[in-house]
Amino acid sequence: MYLLQAVSRRAALHEMIRDYVQAASDLQRLVSVLENLSDEKVRQSSKPARSTSRTKELRQARQHLSLMEEEAKKGIPLDLYRIL
């Protein structure tokens, strides 16, 4: 899905310039979209959902979100050189 890739790339770019607050916001959006996709898959399927690449991606996104939230608390300034 293109939305997932776009949000993930945007979060990575924000992380590069040390805008951890915005990166965390983007990752929160990514986690939300992945959770919605997972919920839809469970509702459409009569069998319990098995571990898939989306489940793995969701777990990784949650871990990355946690890391970005910790970095945001540190208050590190933006890398203005990379922004330019």
Protein backbone atom coordinates (compact mmCIF):
# COMPACT_ATOMS: atom_id res chain seq x y z
CA MET A 1 0.00 0.00 0.00
CA TYR A 2 1.41 3.35 -1.06
CA LEU A 3 0.16 5.20 2.01
CA LEU A 4 2.20 2.95 4.29
CA GLN A 5 5.35 3.54 2.28
CA ALA A 6 4.80 7.29 2.14
CA VAL A 7 4.23 7.66 5.88
CA SER A 8 7.18 5.41 6.67
CA ARG A 9 9.50 7.39 4.39
CA ARG A 10 8.27 10.68 5.81
CA ALA A 11 8.98 9.45 9.35
CA ALA A 12 12.46 8.37 8.29
CA LEU A 13 13.16 11.81 6.80
CA HIS A 14 12.00 13.53 9.97
CA GLU A 15 14.23 11.21 11.97
CA MET A 16 17.19 12.16 9.76
CA ILE A 17 16.83 15.84 10.59
CA ARG A 18 16.20 14.96 14.26
CA ASP A 19 12.59 16.13 14.25
CA TYR A 20 11.64 13.28 16.57
CA VAL A 21 8.26 14.76 17.53
CA GLN A 22 7.07 14.77 13.92
CA ALA A 23 8.65 11.36 13.28
CA ALA A 24 6.72 9.97 16.25
CA SER A 25 3.53 11.53 14.90
CA ASP A 26 4.07 9.90 11.51
CA LEU A 27 4.85 6.56 13.12
CA GLN A 28 1.69 6.82 15.22
CA ARG A 29 -0.26 7.29 11.98
CA LEU A 30 1.53 4.27 10.48
CA VAL A 31 0.68 2.11 13.51
CA SER A 32 -2.95 3.23 13.31
CA VAL A 33 -3.23 2.33 9.62
CA LEU A 34 -1.56 -1.04 10.18
CA GLU A 35 -3.90 -1.80 13.10
CA ASN A 36 -6.93 -0.91 10.96
CA LEU A 37 -5.71 -3.19 8.16
CA SER A 38 -5.14 -5.97 10.66
CA ASP A 39 -8.63 -5.52 12.16
CA GLU A 40 -10.22 -5.59 8.72
CA LYS A 41 -8.39 -8.80 7.87
CA VAL A 42 -9.61 -10.44 11.10
CA ARG A 43 -13.20 -9.38 10.43
CA GLN A 44 -13.12 -10.72 6.87
CA SER A 45 -11.57 -14.01 7.89
CA SER A 46 -13.38 -16.64 9.91
CA LYS A 47 -10.04 -18.09 11.08
CA PRO A 48 -7.81 -16.34 13.62
CA ALA A 49 -5.18 -14.14 12.02
CA ARG A 50 -1.76 -15.74 11.73
CA SER A 51 1.51 -13.93 11.93
CA THR A 52 2.04 -12.20 8.61
CA SER A 53 4.35 -9.59 7.22
CA ARG A 54 1.83 -6.91 8.28
CA THR A 55 1.94 -8.18 11.87
CA LYS A 56 5.72 -8.06 11.80
CA GLU A 57 5.61 -4.58 10.27
CA LEU A 58 3.18 -3.44 12.98
CA ARG A 59 5.45 -4.76 15.74
CA GLN A 60 8.47 -3.00 14.22
CA ALA A 61 6.53 0.25 13.80
CA ARG A 62 5.48 0.14 17.47
CA GLN A 63 9.08 -0.42 18.56
CA HIS A 64 10.30 2.43 16.36
CA LEU A 65 7.52 4.68 17.68
CA SER A 66 8.64 3.97 21.24
CA LEU A 67 12.22 4.86 20.31
CA MET A 68 11.15 8.12 18.63
CA GLU A 69 9.06 9.10 21.66
CA GLU A 70 12.11 8.59 23.88
CA GLU A 71 14.27 10.68 21.54
CA ALA A 72 11.63 13.42 21.45
CA LYS A 73 11.78 13.68 25.25
CA LYS A 74 15.50 14.48 25.07
CA GLY A 75 14.80 17.77 23.28
CA ILE A 76 17.60 17.42 20.73
CA PRO A 77 17.66 20.39 18.31
CA LEU A 78 16.99 19.98 14.59
CA ASP A 79 19.90 19.30 12.26
CA LEU A 80 19.63 22.52 10.27
CA TYR A 81 22.48 21.54 7.94
CA ARG A 82 20.52 18.52 6.68
CA ILE A 83 17.37 20.59 6.25
CA LEU A 84 19.15 22.92 3.86
